[in-house]
Amino acid sequence: MISKKKSQKLVDFLKKPVLTEKTTKFLEQKQYTFEVDVQLTKTQIKQIFEQYYGRKIKSVQTNRVQSVGLKSLIRPRKRVRLHFVDNISFLSQ
């Protein structure tokens, strides 16, 4: 498990929730999409979200997203789709 101090630092790797037309369809299935740091692994992501939200996660799906624009301005991004057992209220936190 991750200690409280370490989890506080790891939460900084979580950037923002992704809200698009496609991701709102996943909300009905208890699947939430977030943008996270590229360096995180699936197990780290699962531990962080389980500890932060206090809910069990069924699965973690990740993919790297390329930014559109000039090559010098491209920043690597990683999106994560989490399938929770229960619903969460991530908009209120």
PDB file of N, CA and C in Angstrom:
ATOM      1  N   MET A   1       0.832  -1.197   0.000  1.00  0.00           N
ATOM      2  CA  MET A   1       0.000   0.000   0.000  1.00  0.00           C
ATOM      3  C   MET A   1       0.867   1.247   0.000  1.00  0.00           C
ATOM      4  N   ILE A   2       0.264   2.339  -0.334  1.00  0.00           N
ATOM      5  CA  ILE A   2       0.958   3.610  -0.401  1.00  0.00           C
ATOM      6  C   ILE A   2       0.672   4.390   0.876  1.00  0.00           C
ATOM      7  N   SER A   3       1.710   4.972   1.474  1.00  0.00           N
ATOM      8  CA  SER A   3       1.509   5.759   2.684  1.00  0.00           C
ATOM      9  C   SER A   3       0.819   7.075   2.338  1.00  0.00           C
ATOM     10  N   LYS A   4       0.299   7.763   3.373  1.00  0.00           N
ATOM     11  CA  LYS A   4      -0.429   9.018   3.158  1.00  0.00           C
ATOM     12  C   LYS A   4       0.462  10.082   2.521  1.00  0.00           C
ATOM     13  N   LYS A   5       1.707  10.233   3.014  1.00  0.00           N
ATOM     14  CA  LYS A   5       2.602  11.245   2.453  1.00  0.00           C
ATOM     15  C   LYS A   5       2.894  10.955   0.987  1.00  0.00           C
ATOM     16  N   LYS A   6       3.162   9.696   0.690  1.00  0.00           N
ATOM     17  CA  LYS A   6       3.492   9.326  -0.678  1.00  0.00           C
ATOM     18  C   LYS A   6       2.273   9.502  -1.586  1.00  0.00           C
ATOM     19  N   SER A   7       1.068   9.169  -1.081  1.00  0.00           N
ATOM     20  CA  SER A   7      -0.129   9.322  -1.905  1.00  0.00           C
ATOM     21  C   SER A   7      -0.407  10.786  -2.195  1.00  0.00           C
ATOM     22  N   GLN A   8      -0.066  11.666  -1.257  1.00  0.00           N
ATOM     23  CA  GLN A   8      -0.249  13.096  -1.489  1.00  0.00           C
ATOM     24  C   GLN A   8       0.612  13.546  -2.662  1.00  0.00           C
ATOM     25  N   LYS A   9       1.813  13.025  -2.745  1.00  0.00           N
ATOM     26  CA  LYS A   9       2.693  13.370  -3.854  1.00  0.00           C
ATOM     27  C   LYS A   9       2.211  12.728  -5.149  1.00  0.00           C
ATOM     28  N   LEU A  10       1.692  11.505  -5.074  1.00  0.00           N
ATOM     29  CA  LEU A  10       1.240  10.813  -6.273  1.00  0.00           C
ATOM     30  C   LEU A  10      -0.028  11.432  -6.842  1.00  0.00           C
ATOM     31  N   VAL A  11      -0.855  12.032  -5.988  1.00  0.00           N
ATOM     32  CA  VAL A  11      -2.067  12.686  -6.477  1.00  0.00           C
ATOM     33  C   VAL A  11      -1.707  13.847  -7.396  1.00  0.00           C
ATOM     34  N   ASP A  12      -0.525  14.412  -7.215  1.00  0.00           N
ATOM     35  CA  ASP A  12      -0.075  15.495  -8.091  1.00  0.00           C
ATOM     36  C   ASP A  12       0.117  15.020  -9.530  1.00  0.00           C
ATOM     37  N   PHE A  13       0.278  13.717  -9.740  1.00  0.00           N
ATOM     38  CA  PHE A  13       0.425  13.178 -11.088  1.00  0.00           C
ATOM     39  C   PHE A  13      -0.909  13.124 -11.832  1.00  0.00           C
ATOM     40  N   LEU A  14      -2.024  13.207 -11.106  1.00  0.00           N
ATOM     41  CA  LEU A  14      -3.342  13.196 -11.728  1.00  0.00           C
ATOM     42  C   LEU A  14      -3.658  14.607 -12.189  1.00  0.00           C
ATOM     43  N   LYS A  15      -3.933  14.769 -13.472  1.00  0.00           N
ATOM     44  CA  LYS A  15      -4.079  16.118 -14.019  1.00  0.00           C
ATOM     45  C   LYS A  15      -5.520  16.614 -14.010  1.00  0.00           C
ATOM     46  N   LYS A  16      -6.421  15.925 -14.724  1.00  0.00           N
ATOM     47  CA  LYS A  16      -7.794  16.412 -14.803  1.00  0.00           C
ATOM     48  C   LYS A  16      -8.702  15.325 -15.363  1.00  0.00           C
ATOM     49  N   PRO A  17     -10.016  15.419 -15.093  1.00  0.00           N
ATOM     50  CA  PRO A  17     -10.957  14.508 -15.748  1.00  0.00           C
ATOM     51  C   PRO A  17     -11.184  14.951 -17.187  1.00  0.00           C
ATOM     52  N   VAL A  18     -11.462  13.996 -18.044  1.00  0.00           N
ATOM     53  CA  VAL A  18     -11.715  14.285 -19.457  1.00  0.00           C
ATOM     54  C   VAL A  18     -13.217  14.164 -19.688  1.00  0.00           C
ATOM     55  N   LEU A  19     -13.844  15.256 -20.118  1.00  0.00           N
ATOM     56  CA  LEU A  19     -15.283  15.258 -20.372  1.00  0.00           C
ATOM     57  C   LEU A  19     -15.536  15.569 -21.845  1.00  0.00           C
ATOM     58  N   THR A  20     -15.862  14.521 -22.586  1.00  0.00           N
ATOM     59  CA  THR A  20     -16.224  14.652 -23.992  1.00  0.00           C
ATOM     60  C   THR A  20     -17.530  13.900 -24.202  1.00  0.00           C
ATOM     61  N   GLU A  21     -18.037  13.944 -25.407  1.00  0.00           N
ATOM     62  CA  GLU A  21     -19.277  13.232 -25.699  1.00  0.00           C
ATOM     63  C   GLU A  21     -19.102  11.721 -25.496  1.00  0.00           C
ATOM     64  N   LYS A  22     -17.962  11.221 -25.897  1.00  0.00           N
ATOM     65  CA  LYS A  22     -17.694   9.789 -25.767  1.00  0.00           C
ATOM     66  C   LYS A  22     -17.542   9.382 -24.298  1.00  0.00           C
ATOM     67  N   THR A  23     -16.841  10.199 -23.516  1.00  0.00           N
ATOM     68  CA  THR A  23     -16.620   9.832 -22.117  1.00  0.00           C
ATOM     69  C   THR A  23     -17.888   9.967 -21.281  1.00  0.00           C
ATOM     70  N   THR A  24     -18.810  10.844 -21.673  1.00  0.00           N
ATOM     71  CA  THR A  24     -20.068  10.940 -20.928  1.00  0.00           C
ATOM     72  C   THR A  24     -20.928   9.693 -21.129  1.00  0.00           C
ATOM     73  N   LYS A  25     -20.765   9.011 -22.251  1.00  0.00           N
ATOM     74  CA  LYS A  25     -21.467   7.740 -22.452  1.00  0.00           C
ATOM     75  C   LYS A  25     -20.938   6.673 -21.494  1.00  0.00           C
ATOM     76  N   PHE A  26     -19.647   6.746 -21.185  1.00  0.00           N
ATOM     77  CA  PHE A  26     -19.048   5.776 -20.273  1.00  0.00           C
ATOM     78  C   PHE A  26     -19.484   5.998 -18.828  1.00  0.00           C
ATOM     79  N   LEU A  27     -19.943   7.202 -18.481  1.00  0.00           N
ATOM     80  CA  LEU A  27     -20.362   7.487 -17.107  1.00  0.00           C
ATOM     81  C   LEU A  27     -21.520   6.592 -16.677  1.00  0.00           C
ATOM     82  N   GLU A  28     -22.408   6.249 -17.608  1.00  0.00           N
ATOM     83  CA  GLU A  28     -23.534   5.363 -17.298  1.00  0.00           C
ATOM     84  C   GLU A  28     -23.053   3.963 -16.925  1.00  0.00           C
ATOM     85  N   GLN A  29     -21.888   3.575 -17.416  1.00  0.00           N
ATOM     86  CA  GLN A  29     -21.332   2.249 -17.147  1.00  0.00           C
ATOM     87  C   GLN A  29     -20.327   2.272 -15.998  1.00  0.00           C
ATOM     88  N   LYS A  30     -20.317   3.365 -15.218  1.00  0.00           N
ATOM     89  CA  LYS A  30     -19.397   3.546 -14.084  1.00  0.00           C
ATOM     90  C   LYS A  30     -17.938   3.574 -14.535  1.00  0.00           C
ATOM     91  N   GLN A  31     -17.691   4.109 -15.723  1.00  0.00           N
ATOM     92  CA  GLN A  31     -16.337   4.242 -16.245  1.00  0.00           C
ATOM     93  C   GLN A  31     -16.020   5.725 -16.369  1.00  0.00           C
ATOM     94  N   TYR A  32     -14.892   6.130 -15.796  1.00  0.00           N
ATOM     95  CA  TYR A  32     -14.502   7.532 -15.740  1.00  0.00           C
ATOM     96  C   TYR A  32     -13.155   7.703 -16.424  1.00  0.00           C
ATOM     97  N   THR A  33     -12.989   8.788 -17.163  1.00  0.00           N
ATOM     98  CA  THR A  33     -11.766   9.035 -17.922  1.00  0.00           C
ATOM     99  C   THR A  33     -11.024  10.220 -17.324  1.00  0.00           C
ATOM    100  N   PHE A  34      -9.733  10.025 -17.080  1.00  0.00           N
ATOM    101  CA  PHE A  34      -8.882  11.054 -16.506  1.00  0.00           C
ATOM    102  C   PHE A  34      -7.616  11.179 -17.332  1.00  0.00           C
ATOM    103  N   GLU A  35      -7.009  12.347 -17.277  1.00  0.00           N
ATOM    104  CA  GLU A  35      -5.695  12.552 -17.878  1.00  0.00           C
ATOM    105  C   GLU A  35      -4.678  12.492 -16.746  1.00  0.00           C
ATOM    106  N   VAL A  36      -3.666  11.648 -16.913  1.00  0.00           N
ATOM    107  CA  VAL A  36      -2.668  11.448 -15.862  1.00  0.00           C
ATOM    108  C   VAL A  36      -1.270  11.633 -16.439  1.00  0.00           C
ATOM    109  N   ASP A  37      -0.293  11.619 -15.558  1.00  0.00           N
ATOM    110  CA  ASP A  37       1.101  11.744 -15.973  1.00  0.00           C
ATOM    111  C   ASP A  37       1.520  10.503 -16.753  1.00  0.00           C
ATOM    112  N   VAL A  38       2.369  10.682 -17.722  1.00  0.00           N
ATOM    113  CA  VAL A  38       2.799   9.600 -18.611  1.00  0.00           C
ATOM    114  C   VAL A  38       3.613   8.547 -17.865  1.00  0.00           C
ATOM    115  N   GLN A  39       4.270   8.914 -16.788  1.00  0.00           N
ATOM    116  CA  GLN A  39       5.166   8.005 -16.080  1.00  0.00           C
ATOM    117  C   GLN A  39       4.437   6.979 -15.214  1.00  0.00           C
ATOM    118  N   LEU A  40       3.163   7.171 -14.915  1.00  0.00           N
ATOM    119  CA  LEU A  40       2.438   6.259 -14.039  1.00  0.00           C
ATOM    120  C   LEU A  40       2.139   4.937 -14.734  1.00  0.00           C
ATOM    121  N   THR A  41       2.214   3.853 -13.952  1.00  0.00           N
ATOM    122  CA  THR A  41       1.842   2.535 -14.456  1.00  0.00           C
ATOM    123  C   THR A  41       0.399   2.250 -14.062  1.00  0.00           C
ATOM    124  N   LYS A  42      -0.162   1.168 -14.605  1.00  0.00           N
ATOM    125  CA  LYS A  42      -1.548   0.822 -14.294  1.00  0.00           C
ATOM    126  C   LYS A  42      -1.738   0.515 -12.814  1.00  0.00           C
ATOM    127  N   THR A  43      -0.785  -0.185 -12.213  1.00  0.00           N
ATOM    128  CA  THR A  43      -0.921  -0.515 -10.791  1.00  0.00           C
ATOM    129  C   THR A  43      -0.841   0.733  -9.923  1.00  0.00           C
ATOM    130  N   GLN A  44       0.020   1.669 -10.275  1.00  0.00           N
ATOM    131  CA  GLN A  44       0.101   2.921  -9.520  1.00  0.00           C
ATOM    132  C   GLN A  44      -1.191   3.717  -9.662  1.00  0.00           C
ATOM    133  N   ILE A  45      -1.727   3.772 -10.870  1.00  0.00           N
ATOM    134  CA  ILE A  45      -2.973   4.493 -11.108  1.00  0.00           C
ATOM    135  C   ILE A  45      -4.097   3.878 -10.288  1.00  0.00           C
ATOM    136  N   LYS A  46      -4.175   2.562 -10.281  1.00  0.00           N
ATOM    137  CA  LYS A  46      -5.219   1.872  -9.531  1.00  0.00           C
ATOM    138  C   LYS A  46      -5.098   2.162  -8.040  1.00  0.00           C
ATOM    139  N   GLN A  47      -3.898   2.098  -7.487  1.00  0.00           N
ATOM    140  CA  GLN A  47      -3.694   2.371  -6.067  1.00  0.00           C
ATOM    141  C   GLN A  47      -4.057   3.807  -5.716  1.00  0.00           C
ATOM    142  N   ILE A  48      -3.662   4.745  -6.553  1.00  0.00           N
ATOM    143  CA  ILE A  48      -3.944   6.158  -6.278  1.00  0.00           C
ATOM    144  C   ILE A  48      -5.446   6.409  -6.253  1.00  0.00           C
ATOM    145  N   PHE A  49      -6.161   5.935  -7.270  1.00  0.00           N
ATOM    146  CA  PHE A  49      -7.592   6.200  -7.337  1.00  0.00           C
ATOM    147  C   PHE A  49      -8.365   5.446  -6.264  1.00  0.00           C
ATOM    148  N   GLU A  50      -7.969   4.214  -5.945  1.00  0.00           N
ATOM    149  CA  GLU A  50      -8.653   3.492  -4.876  1.00  0.00           C
ATOM    150  C   GLU A  50      -8.464   4.190  -3.538  1.00  0.00           C
ATOM    151  N   GLN A  51      -7.286   4.716  -3.307  1.00  0.00           N
ATOM    152  CA  GLN A  51      -7.029   5.410  -2.057  1.00  0.00           C
ATOM    153  C   GLN A  51      -7.701   6.779  -2.033  1.00  0.00           C
ATOM    154  N   TYR A  52      -7.685   7.482  -3.142  1.00  0.00           N
ATOM    155  CA  TYR A  52      -8.234   8.839  -3.196  1.00  0.00           C
ATOM    156  C   TYR A  52      -9.756   8.833  -3.093  1.00  0.00           C
ATOM    157  N   TYR A  53     -10.420   7.930  -3.832  1.00  0.00           N
ATOM    158  CA  TYR A  53     -11.875   7.885  -3.835  1.00  0.00           C
ATOM    159  C   TYR A  53     -12.448   6.866  -2.857  1.00  0.00           C
ATOM    160  N   GLY A  54     -11.635   5.949  -2.344  1.00  0.00           N
ATOM    161  CA  GLY A  54     -12.124   4.956  -1.397  1.00  0.00           C
ATOM    162  C   GLY A  54     -13.067   3.944  -2.025  1.00  0.00           C
ATOM    163  N   ARG A  55     -12.917   3.669  -3.295  1.00  0.00           N
ATOM    164  CA  ARG A  55     -13.760   2.714  -4.016  1.00  0.00           C
ATOM    165  C   ARG A  55     -12.876   1.709  -4.747  1.00  0.00           C
ATOM    166  N   LYS A  56     -13.408   0.509  -4.956  1.00  0.00           N
ATOM    167  CA  LYS A  56     -12.684  -0.526  -5.691  1.00  0.00           C
ATOM    168  C   LYS A  56     -12.781  -0.264  -7.189  1.00  0.00           C
ATOM    169  N   ILE A  57     -11.719  -0.622  -7.900  1.00  0.00           N
ATOM    170  CA  ILE A  57     -11.666  -0.453  -9.348  1.00  0.00           C
ATOM    171  C   ILE A  57     -11.628  -1.828  -9.998  1.00  0.00           C
ATOM    172  N   LYS A  58     -12.507  -2.045 -10.977  1.00  0.00           N
ATOM    173  CA  LYS A  58     -12.527  -3.315 -11.705  1.00  0.00           C
ATOM    174  C   LYS A  58     -11.396  -3.393 -12.712  1.00  0.00           C
ATOM    175  N   SER A  59     -11.216  -2.334 -13.512  1.00  0.00           N
ATOM    176  CA  SER A  59     -10.192  -2.381 -14.555  1.00  0.00           C
ATOM    177  C   SER A  59      -9.635  -0.992 -14.831  1.00  0.00           C
ATOM    178  N   VAL A  60      -8.420  -0.990 -15.396  1.00  0.00           N
ATOM    179  CA  VAL A  60      -7.736   0.243 -15.780  1.00  0.00           C
ATOM    180  C   VAL A  60      -7.309   0.096 -17.234  1.00  0.00           C
ATOM    181  N   GLN A  61      -7.726   1.031 -18.078  1.00  0.00           N
ATOM    182  CA  GLN A  61      -7.330   1.034 -19.489  1.00  0.00           C
ATOM    183  C   GLN A  61      -6.600   2.338 -19.757  1.00  0.00           C
ATOM    184  N   THR A  62      -5.411   2.235 -20.353  1.00  0.00           N
ATOM    185  CA  THR A  62      -4.621   3.435 -20.624  1.00  0.00           C
ATOM    186  C   THR A  62      -4.323   3.542 -22.113  1.00  0.00           C
ATOM    187  N   ASN A  63      -4.130   4.767 -22.559  1.00  0.00           N
ATOM    188  CA  ASN A  63      -3.646   5.004 -23.916  1.00  0.00           C
ATOM    189  C   ASN A  63      -2.942   6.348 -23.960  1.00  0.00           C
ATOM    190  N   ARG A  64      -1.961   6.427 -24.841  1.00  0.00           N
ATOM    191  CA  ARG A  64      -1.218   7.682 -25.018  1.00  0.00           C
ATOM    192  C   ARG A  64      -1.905   8.493 -26.105  1.00  0.00           C
ATOM    193  N   VAL A  65      -2.023   9.781 -25.849  1.00  0.00           N
ATOM    194  CA  VAL A  65      -2.700  10.679 -26.770  1.00  0.00           C
ATOM    195  C   VAL A  65      -1.690  11.675 -27.307  1.00  0.00           C
ATOM    196  N   GLN A  66      -1.642  11.822 -28.627  1.00  0.00           N
ATOM    197  CA  GLN A  66      -0.752  12.814 -29.225  1.00  0.00           C
ATOM    198  C   GLN A  66      -1.480  14.141 -29.332  1.00  0.00           C
ATOM    199  N   SER A  67      -0.784  15.194 -28.991  1.00  0.00           N
ATOM    200  CA  SER A  67      -1.332  16.536 -29.140  1.00  0.00           C
ATOM    201  C   SER A  67      -1.211  16.971 -30.594  1.00  0.00           C
ATOM    202  N   VAL A  68      -2.144  17.764 -31.042  1.00  0.00           N
ATOM    203  CA  VAL A  68      -2.106  18.286 -32.399  1.00  0.00           C
ATOM    204  C   VAL A  68      -1.427  19.646 -32.362  1.00  0.00           C
ATOM    205  N   GLY A  69      -0.512  19.871 -33.270  1.00  0.00           N
ATOM    206  CA  GLY A  69       0.155  21.167 -33.320  1.00  0.00           C
ATOM    207  C   GLY A  69       1.578  21.029 -33.802  1.00  0.00           C
ATOM    208  N   LEU A  70       2.367  22.028 -33.520  1.00  0.00           N
ATOM    209  CA  LEU A  70       3.766  22.016 -33.914  1.00  0.00           C
ATOM    210  C   LEU A  70       4.527  20.930 -33.172  1.00  0.00           C
ATOM    211  N   LYS A  71       5.524  20.352 -33.827  1.00  0.00           N
ATOM    212  CA  LYS A  71       6.290  19.277 -33.203  1.00  0.00           C
ATOM    213  C   LYS A  71       7.048  19.753 -31.978  1.00  0.00           C
ATOM    214  N   SER A  72       7.479  20.984 -31.981  1.00  0.00           N
ATOM    215  CA  SER A  72       8.224  21.486 -30.827  1.00  0.00           C
ATOM    216  C   SER A  72       7.327  21.679 -29.611  1.00  0.00           C
ATOM    217  N   LEU A  73       6.013  21.759 -29.829  1.00  0.00           N
ATOM    218  CA  LEU A  73       5.084  21.987 -28.725  1.00  0.00           C
ATOM    219  C   LEU A  73       4.370  20.717 -28.275  1.00  0.00           C
ATOM    220  N   ILE A  74       4.703  19.568 -28.862  1.00  0.00           N
ATOM    221  CA  ILE A  74       4.026  18.323 -28.501  1.00  0.00           C
ATOM    222  C   ILE A  74       4.451  17.892 -27.109  1.00  0.00           C
ATOM    223  N   ARG A  75       3.461  17.656 -26.278  1.00  0.00           N
ATOM    224  CA  ARG A  75       3.710  17.153 -24.935  1.00  0.00           C
ATOM    225  C   ARG A  75       3.006  15.798 -24.816  1.00  0.00           C
ATOM    226  N   PRO A  76       3.704  14.785 -24.353  1.00  0.00           N
ATOM    227  CA  PRO A  76       3.061  13.479 -24.227  1.00  0.00           C
ATOM    228  C   PRO A  76       1.971  13.512 -23.154  1.00  0.00           C
ATOM    229  N   ARG A  77       0.846  12.879 -23.461  1.00  0.00           N
ATOM    230  CA  ARG A  77      -0.258  12.797 -22.517  1.00  0.00           C
ATOM    231  C   ARG A  77      -0.712  11.349 -22.437  1.00  0.00           C
ATOM    232  N   LYS A  78      -1.310  10.999 -21.324  1.00  0.00           N
ATOM    233  CA  LYS A  78      -1.834   9.656 -21.140  1.00  0.00           C
ATOM    234  C   LYS A  78      -3.242   9.775 -20.580  1.00  0.00           C
ATOM    235  N   ARG A  79      -4.179   9.075 -21.211  1.00  0.00           N
ATOM    236  CA  ARG A  79      -5.554   9.042 -20.719  1.00  0.00           C
ATOM    237  C   ARG A  79      -5.823   7.687 -20.104  1.00  0.00           C
ATOM    238  N   VAL A  80      -6.614   7.708 -19.048  1.00  0.00           N
ATOM    239  CA  VAL A  80      -6.934   6.489 -18.319  1.00  0.00           C
ATOM    240  C   VAL A  80      -8.441   6.369 -18.220  1.00  0.00           C
ATOM    241  N   ARG A  81      -8.976   5.188 -18.527  1.00  0.00           N
ATOM    242  CA  ARG A  81     -10.394   4.922 -18.306  1.00  0.00           C
ATOM    243  C   ARG A  81     -10.493   3.896 -17.193  1.00  0.00           C
ATOM    244  N   LEU A  82     -11.141   4.290 -16.109  1.00  0.00           N
ATOM    245  CA  LEU A  82     -11.269   3.448 -14.930  1.00  0.00           C
ATOM    246  C   LEU A  82     -12.689   2.928 -14.823  1.00  0.00           C
ATOM    247  N   HIS A  83     -12.838   1.646 -14.554  1.00  0.00           N
ATOM    248  CA  HIS A  83     -14.148   1.041 -14.352  1.00  0.00           C
ATOM    249  C   HIS A  83     -14.311   0.771 -12.860  1.00  0.00           C
ATOM    250  N   PHE A  84     -15.109   1.605 -12.185  1.00  0.00           N
ATOM    251  CA  PHE A  84     -15.326   1.479 -10.749  1.00  0.00           C
ATOM    252  C   PHE A  84     -16.455   0.496 -10.468  1.00  0.00           C
ATOM    253  N   VAL A  85     -16.434  -0.099  -9.272  1.00  0.00           N
ATOM    254  CA  VAL A  85     -17.515  -0.974  -8.837  1.00  0.00           C
ATOM    255  C   VAL A  85     -18.742  -0.126  -8.510  1.00  0.00           C
ATOM    256  N   ASP A  86     -18.541   1.008  -7.816  1.00  0.00           N
ATOM    257  CA  ASP A  86     -19.615   1.930  -7.450  1.00  0.00           C
ATOM    258  C   ASP A  86     -19.437   3.237  -8.205  1.00  0.00           C
ATOM    259  N   ASN A  87     -20.491   4.046  -8.212  1.00  0.00           N
ATOM    260  CA  ASN A  87     -20.389   5.383  -8.804  1.00  0.00           C
ATOM    261  C   ASN A  87     -19.554   6.281  -7.911  1.00  0.00           C
ATOM    262  N   ILE A  88     -18.896   7.266  -8.510  1.00  0.00           N
ATOM    263  CA  ILE A  88     -18.157   8.269  -7.748  1.00  0.00           C
ATOM    264  C   ILE A  88     -18.654   9.640  -8.171  1.00  0.00           C
ATOM    265  N   SER A  89     -18.420  10.622  -7.322  1.00  0.00           N
ATOM    266  CA  SER A  89     -18.793  11.992  -7.678  1.00  0.00           C
ATOM    267  C   SER A  89     -17.510  12.795  -7.813  1.00  0.00           C
ATOM    268  N   PHE A  90     -16.865  12.707  -8.963  1.00  0.00           N
ATOM    269  CA  PHE A  90     -15.585  13.379  -9.157  1.00  0.00           C
ATOM    270  C   PHE A  90     -15.755  14.852  -9.484  1.00  0.00           C
ATOM    271  N   LEU A  91     -16.946  15.286  -9.858  1.00  0.00           N
ATOM    272  CA  LEU A  91     -17.154  16.697 -10.169  1.00  0.00           C
ATOM    273  C   LEU A  91     -17.225  17.551  -8.913  1.00  0.00           C
ATOM    274  N   SER A  92     -17.599  16.955  -7.787  1.00  0.00           N
ATOM    275  CA  SER A  92     -17.732  17.726  -6.550  1.00  0.00           C
ATOM    276  C   SER A  92     -16.422  17.854  -5.801  1.00  0.00           C
ATOM    277  N   GLN A  93     -15.391  17.076  -6.184  1.00  0.00           N
ATOM    278  CA  GLN A  93     -14.132  17.119  -5.439  1.00  0.00           C
ATOM    279  C   GLN A  93     -13.143  18.026  -6.090  1.00  0.00           C
TER     280      GLN A  93
END
